[in-house]
């Protein structure tokens, strides 16, 4: 677990992923669409990926990826992030973490 916390420390948004995971890719796209620049760790490409994956699993991430941390807090996987987005809580959370500073919701009505 310590390996996970070292990677998350002092970063507003961290996504643990695997390069072949399409769900992880979708979450990265969602978060970057708001202007955030998440730190992404591809567990199948970093030297201590297996150790980090075991740490994520011990924290309750099952499956281990995607795992999203916002403001050094474990948000969870895709279900939790999408739920935050649907309830309108993802942007405020990103703002509070300092991942984005301004959010201008555009309206489709003229």
N, C-alpha and C. Protein backbone atom coordinates (compact mmCIF):
# COMPACT_ATOMS: atom_id res chain seq x y z
N UNK A 1 0.82 -1.19 0.00
CA UNK A 1 0.00 0.00 0.00
C UNK A 1 0.87 1.26 0.00
N UNK A 2 2.01 1.18 0.64
CA UNK A 2 2.89 2.35 0.70
C UNK A 2 3.33 2.78 -0.70
N UNK A 3 3.54 1.81 -1.59
CA UNK A 3 3.92 2.15 -2.97
C UNK A 3 2.85 2.99 -3.64
N UNK A 4 1.60 2.70 -3.35
CA UNK A 4 0.48 3.47 -3.91
C UNK A 4 0.51 4.90 -3.39
N UNK A 5 0.64 5.05 -2.07
CA UNK A 5 0.60 6.38 -1.47
C UNK A 5 1.77 7.24 -1.93
N UNK A 6 2.94 6.64 -2.16
CA UNK A 6 4.08 7.41 -2.67
C UNK A 6 3.76 7.99 -4.05
N UNK A 7 3.06 7.23 -4.88
CA UNK A 7 2.73 7.69 -6.23
C UNK A 7 1.60 8.73 -6.25
N UNK A 8 0.74 8.66 -5.26
CA UNK A 8 -0.42 9.56 -5.19
C UNK A 8 -0.06 10.88 -4.51
N UNK A 9 0.91 10.87 -3.64
CA UNK A 9 1.26 12.02 -2.82
C UNK A 9 1.47 13.29 -3.64
N UNK A 10 0.79 14.35 -3.22
CA UNK A 10 0.92 15.69 -3.79
C UNK A 10 0.52 15.81 -5.26
N UNK A 11 -0.30 14.92 -5.75
CA UNK A 11 -0.81 15.02 -7.11
C UNK A 11 -2.33 15.16 -7.04
N UNK A 12 -2.89 16.13 -7.77
CA UNK A 12 -4.34 16.34 -7.66
C UNK A 12 -5.18 15.18 -8.19
N UNK A 13 -4.76 14.56 -9.30
CA UNK A 13 -5.51 13.43 -9.85
C UNK A 13 -4.52 12.36 -10.31
N UNK A 14 -4.75 11.14 -9.85
CA UNK A 14 -3.92 10.01 -10.26
C UNK A 14 -4.85 8.90 -10.73
N UNK A 15 -4.50 8.34 -11.88
CA UNK A 15 -5.25 7.19 -12.41
C UNK A 15 -4.28 6.04 -12.56
N UNK A 16 -4.61 4.91 -11.93
CA UNK A 16 -3.87 3.68 -12.13
C UNK A 16 -4.61 2.90 -13.19
N UNK A 17 -3.87 2.45 -14.18
CA UNK A 17 -4.46 1.88 -15.38
C UNK A 17 -3.60 0.73 -15.88
N UNK A 18 -4.07 0.09 -16.91
CA UNK A 18 -3.26 -0.84 -17.71
C UNK A 18 -3.44 -0.41 -19.16
N UNK A 19 -2.38 -0.48 -19.91
CA UNK A 19 -2.40 0.06 -21.27
C UNK A 19 -3.46 -0.60 -22.16
N UNK A 20 -3.86 -1.81 -21.84
CA UNK A 20 -4.84 -2.51 -22.67
C UNK A 20 -6.28 -2.37 -22.16
N UNK A 21 -6.49 -1.60 -21.10
CA UNK A 21 -7.82 -1.50 -20.49
C UNK A 21 -8.62 -0.37 -21.11
N UNK A 22 -9.68 -0.72 -21.85
CA UNK A 22 -10.50 0.30 -22.51
C UNK A 22 -11.30 1.13 -21.51
N UNK A 23 -11.67 0.55 -20.37
CA UNK A 23 -12.41 1.30 -19.36
C UNK A 23 -11.50 2.37 -18.76
N UNK A 24 -10.25 2.02 -18.51
CA UNK A 24 -9.29 3.00 -18.00
C UNK A 24 -9.13 4.14 -19.00
N UNK A 25 -9.05 3.79 -20.27
CA UNK A 25 -8.90 4.81 -21.32
C UNK A 25 -10.09 5.76 -21.30
N UNK A 26 -11.29 5.22 -21.14
CA UNK A 26 -12.49 6.05 -21.11
C UNK A 26 -12.49 7.00 -19.91
N UNK A 27 -12.04 6.52 -18.75
CA UNK A 27 -11.98 7.39 -17.58
C UNK A 27 -10.94 8.49 -17.76
N UNK A 28 -9.82 8.15 -18.38
CA UNK A 28 -8.80 9.18 -18.65
C UNK A 28 -9.39 10.25 -19.57
N UNK A 29 -10.12 9.84 -20.58
CA UNK A 29 -10.75 10.79 -21.51
C UNK A 29 -11.77 11.67 -20.78
N UNK A 30 -12.57 11.07 -19.93
CA UNK A 30 -13.57 11.83 -19.18
C UNK A 30 -12.91 12.91 -18.33
N UNK A 31 -11.92 12.53 -17.57
CA UNK A 31 -11.28 13.47 -16.65
C UNK A 31 -10.53 14.56 -17.41
N UNK A 32 -9.85 14.20 -18.49
CA UNK A 32 -9.14 15.23 -19.26
C UNK A 32 -10.11 16.13 -20.01
N UNK A 33 -11.33 15.66 -20.29
CA UNK A 33 -12.30 16.51 -20.98
C UNK A 33 -12.71 17.72 -20.15
N UNK A 34 -12.50 17.65 -18.84
CA UNK A 34 -12.79 18.78 -17.96
C UNK A 34 -11.59 19.71 -17.82
N UNK A 35 -10.48 19.38 -18.47
CA UNK A 35 -9.29 20.22 -18.41
C UNK A 35 -8.26 19.76 -17.39
N UNK A 36 -8.52 18.67 -16.71
CA UNK A 36 -7.56 18.15 -15.75
C UNK A 36 -6.44 17.42 -16.49
N UNK A 37 -5.29 17.39 -15.88
CA UNK A 37 -4.14 16.69 -16.44
C UNK A 37 -3.71 15.62 -15.43
N UNK A 38 -4.39 14.47 -15.45
CA UNK A 38 -4.09 13.47 -14.43
C UNK A 38 -2.71 12.84 -14.63
N UNK A 39 -2.13 12.43 -13.52
CA UNK A 39 -0.93 11.60 -13.57
C UNK A 39 -1.43 10.18 -13.78
N UNK A 40 -0.94 9.53 -14.81
CA UNK A 40 -1.40 8.18 -15.15
C UNK A 40 -0.25 7.20 -15.00
N UNK A 41 -0.50 6.14 -14.26
CA UNK A 41 0.47 5.06 -14.12
C UNK A 41 -0.10 3.82 -14.77
N UNK A 42 0.56 3.36 -15.82
CA UNK A 42 0.17 2.12 -16.49
C UNK A 42 0.88 0.98 -15.76
N UNK A 43 0.13 0.20 -15.02
CA UNK A 43 0.74 -0.82 -14.16
C UNK A 43 1.50 -1.89 -14.94
N UNK A 44 1.14 -2.08 -16.20
CA UNK A 44 1.86 -3.07 -17.00
C UNK A 44 3.11 -2.49 -17.64
N UNK A 45 3.41 -1.22 -17.36
CA UNK A 45 4.58 -0.57 -17.96
C UNK A 45 5.56 -0.02 -16.94
N UNK A 46 5.19 0.03 -15.66
CA UNK A 46 6.11 0.56 -14.66
C UNK A 46 6.79 -0.60 -13.93
N UNK A 47 8.03 -0.38 -13.48
CA UNK A 47 8.79 -1.48 -12.86
C UNK A 47 8.12 -2.11 -11.65
N UNK A 48 7.48 -1.32 -10.80
CA UNK A 48 6.86 -1.88 -9.59
C UNK A 48 5.35 -2.06 -9.76
N UNK A 49 4.90 -2.28 -10.98
CA UNK A 49 3.47 -2.39 -11.28
C UNK A 49 2.75 -3.46 -10.49
N UNK A 50 3.38 -4.63 -10.34
CA UNK A 50 2.73 -5.71 -9.59
C UNK A 50 2.57 -5.34 -8.11
N UNK A 51 3.58 -4.69 -7.55
CA UNK A 51 3.51 -4.27 -6.16
C UNK A 51 2.39 -3.24 -5.97
N UNK A 52 2.30 -2.28 -6.89
CA UNK A 52 1.25 -1.26 -6.83
C UNK A 52 -0.11 -1.92 -6.98
N UNK A 53 -0.22 -2.85 -7.89
CA UNK A 53 -1.50 -3.55 -8.09
C UNK A 53 -1.94 -4.28 -6.83
N UNK A 54 -1.01 -4.95 -6.16
CA UNK A 54 -1.35 -5.62 -4.90
C UNK A 54 -1.80 -4.60 -3.85
N UNK A 55 -1.13 -3.44 -3.82
CA UNK A 55 -1.53 -2.38 -2.89
C UNK A 55 -2.93 -1.89 -3.16
N UNK A 56 -3.26 -1.69 -4.43
CA UNK A 56 -4.61 -1.25 -4.79
C UNK A 56 -5.65 -2.29 -4.39
N UNK A 57 -5.34 -3.56 -4.61
CA UNK A 57 -6.26 -4.62 -4.22
C UNK A 57 -6.47 -4.65 -2.71
N UNK A 58 -5.40 -4.42 -1.95
CA UNK A 58 -5.53 -4.43 -0.49
C UNK A 58 -6.34 -3.22 0.00
N UNK A 59 -6.44 -2.18 -0.84
CA UNK A 59 -7.25 -1.01 -0.49
C UNK A 59 -8.71 -1.21 -0.90
N UNK A 60 -9.02 -2.34 -1.51
CA UNK A 60 -10.40 -2.64 -1.89
C UNK A 60 -10.72 -2.45 -3.35
N UNK A 61 -9.72 -2.16 -4.17
CA UNK A 61 -9.95 -1.98 -5.61
C UNK A 61 -10.00 -3.35 -6.27
N UNK A 62 -11.17 -3.77 -6.62
CA UNK A 62 -11.35 -5.06 -7.28
C UNK A 62 -12.34 -4.87 -8.41
N UNK A 63 -11.92 -4.86 -9.66
CA UNK A 63 -10.57 -5.09 -10.16
C UNK A 63 -9.64 -3.94 -9.77
N UNK A 64 -8.35 -4.19 -9.91
CA UNK A 64 -7.37 -3.20 -9.45
C UNK A 64 -7.32 -1.96 -10.33
N UNK A 65 -7.70 -2.08 -11.60
CA UNK A 65 -7.72 -0.92 -12.49
C UNK A 65 -9.06 -0.85 -13.21
N UNK A 66 -9.53 0.32 -13.54
CA UNK A 66 -8.93 1.60 -13.21
C UNK A 66 -9.15 1.93 -11.73
N UNK A 67 -8.20 2.66 -11.16
CA UNK A 67 -8.33 3.17 -9.80
C UNK A 67 -8.00 4.65 -9.86
N UNK A 68 -8.92 5.47 -9.36
CA UNK A 68 -8.78 6.92 -9.47
C UNK A 68 -8.68 7.53 -8.08
N UNK A 69 -7.67 8.39 -7.93
CA UNK A 69 -7.50 9.17 -6.71
C UNK A 69 -7.66 10.64 -7.09
N UNK A 70 -8.47 11.34 -6.34
CA UNK A 70 -8.64 12.78 -6.55
C UNK A 70 -8.38 13.45 -5.20
N UNK A 71 -7.45 14.39 -5.20
CA UNK A 71 -7.09 15.05 -3.95
C UNK A 71 -6.53 14.08 -2.93
N UNK A 72 -5.72 13.14 -3.39
CA UNK A 72 -5.09 12.11 -2.55
C UNK A 72 -6.09 11.20 -1.85
N UNK A 73 -7.34 11.18 -2.33
CA UNK A 73 -8.36 10.29 -1.77
C UNK A 73 -8.76 9.28 -2.83
N UNK A 74 -8.89 8.04 -2.42
CA UNK A 74 -9.34 7.01 -3.34
C UNK A 74 -10.80 7.21 -3.65
N UNK A 75 -11.09 7.50 -4.92
CA UNK A 75 -12.47 7.64 -5.37
C UNK A 75 -13.02 6.26 -5.71
N UNK A 76 -12.22 5.45 -6.37
CA UNK A 76 -12.63 4.11 -6.75
C UNK A 76 -12.39 3.87 -8.22
N UNK A 77 -13.21 3.02 -8.77
CA UNK A 77 -13.08 2.64 -10.18
C UNK A 77 -14.10 3.35 -11.05
N UNK A 78 -14.40 2.73 -12.16
CA UNK A 78 -15.26 3.36 -13.16
C UNK A 78 -16.67 3.64 -12.63
N UNK A 79 -17.25 2.72 -11.89
CA UNK A 79 -18.61 2.94 -11.39
C UNK A 79 -18.68 4.17 -10.49
N UNK A 80 -17.71 4.32 -9.61
CA UNK A 80 -17.72 5.45 -8.69
C UNK A 80 -17.49 6.77 -9.41
N UNK A 81 -16.56 6.79 -10.36
CA UNK A 81 -16.28 8.03 -11.09
C UNK A 81 -17.47 8.44 -11.94
N UNK A 82 -18.07 7.49 -12.64
CA UNK A 82 -19.24 7.80 -13.47
C UNK A 82 -20.40 8.26 -12.59
N UNK A 83 -20.56 7.65 -11.45
CA UNK A 83 -21.62 8.07 -10.52
C UNK A 83 -21.41 9.51 -10.08
N UNK A 84 -20.16 9.88 -9.76
CA UNK A 84 -19.87 11.27 -9.39
C UNK A 84 -20.21 12.22 -10.54
N UNK A 85 -19.86 11.81 -11.75
CA UNK A 85 -20.10 12.64 -12.92
C UNK A 85 -21.59 12.85 -13.14
N UNK A 86 -22.36 11.78 -13.05
CA UNK A 86 -23.82 11.85 -13.27
C UNK A 86 -24.49 12.72 -12.21
N UNK A 87 -24.00 12.65 -10.99
CA UNK A 87 -24.58 13.44 -9.89
C UNK A 87 -24.05 14.87 -9.83
N UNK A 88 -23.17 15.23 -10.77
CA UNK A 88 -22.63 16.58 -10.81
C UNK A 88 -21.60 16.87 -9.74
N UNK A 89 -20.96 15.83 -9.22
CA UNK A 89 -20.00 16.01 -8.14
C UNK A 89 -18.55 15.85 -8.58
N UNK A 90 -18.33 15.40 -9.81
CA UNK A 90 -16.95 15.18 -10.27
C UNK A 90 -16.21 16.50 -10.45
N UNK A 91 -16.82 17.46 -11.13
CA UNK A 91 -16.16 18.76 -11.37
C UNK A 91 -15.84 19.47 -10.05
N UNK A 92 -16.79 19.58 -9.11
CA UNK A 92 -16.43 20.22 -7.83
C UNK A 92 -15.27 19.50 -7.12
N UNK A 93 -15.23 18.19 -7.22
CA UNK A 93 -14.16 17.43 -6.59
C UNK A 93 -12.81 17.74 -7.27
N UNK A 94 -12.82 17.83 -8.60
CA UNK A 94 -11.61 18.17 -9.33
C UNK A 94 -11.15 19.59 -8.99
N UNK A 95 -12.10 20.50 -8.84
CA UNK A 95 -11.76 21.88 -8.48
C UNK A 95 -11.18 21.95 -7.07
N UNK A 96 -11.80 21.26 -6.15
CA UNK A 96 -11.32 21.25 -4.76
C UNK A 96 -9.91 20.69 -4.66
N UNK A 97 -9.58 19.72 -5.50
CA UNK A 97 -8.25 19.10 -5.49
C UNK A 97 -7.21 19.96 -6.20
N UNK A 98 -7.66 21.00 -6.89
CA UNK A 98 -6.73 21.85 -7.63
C UNK A 98 -6.36 21.30 -8.99
N UNK A 99 -7.15 20.34 -9.48
CA UNK A 99 -6.89 19.75 -10.79
C UNK A 99 -7.40 20.64 -11.92
N UNK A 100 -8.46 21.38 -11.64
CA UNK A 100 -8.96 22.39 -12.57
C UNK A 100 -9.30 23.62 -11.74
N UNK A 101 -9.23 24.79 -12.37
CA UNK A 101 -9.49 26.02 -11.65
C UNK A 101 -10.78 26.67 -12.07
N UNK A 102 -11.13 26.53 -13.33
CA UNK A 102 -12.33 27.18 -13.86
C UNK A 102 -13.12 26.13 -14.63
N UNK A 103 -14.42 26.16 -14.44
CA UNK A 103 -15.27 25.29 -15.22
C UNK A 103 -16.42 26.11 -15.75
N UNK A 104 -16.53 26.16 -17.07
CA UNK A 104 -17.59 26.92 -17.71
C UNK A 104 -18.50 25.94 -18.42
N UNK A 105 -19.60 25.64 -17.80
CA UNK A 105 -20.56 24.72 -18.40
C UNK A 105 -21.26 25.45 -19.53
N UNK A 106 -21.15 24.92 -20.72
CA UNK A 106 -21.81 25.56 -21.86
C UNK A 106 -23.20 24.98 -22.03
N UNK A 107 -24.07 25.80 -22.48
CA UNK A 107 -25.46 25.40 -22.67
C UNK A 107 -25.73 25.16 -24.15
N UNK A 108 -26.53 24.17 -24.44
CA UNK A 108 -26.86 23.88 -25.84
C UNK A 108 -28.07 24.70 -26.31
N UNK A 109 -28.68 25.44 -25.39
CA UNK A 109 -29.82 26.26 -25.78
C UNK A 109 -29.33 27.66 -26.11
N UNK A 110 -29.95 28.23 -27.10
CA UNK A 110 -29.53 29.58 -27.53
C UNK A 110 -30.52 30.62 -27.09
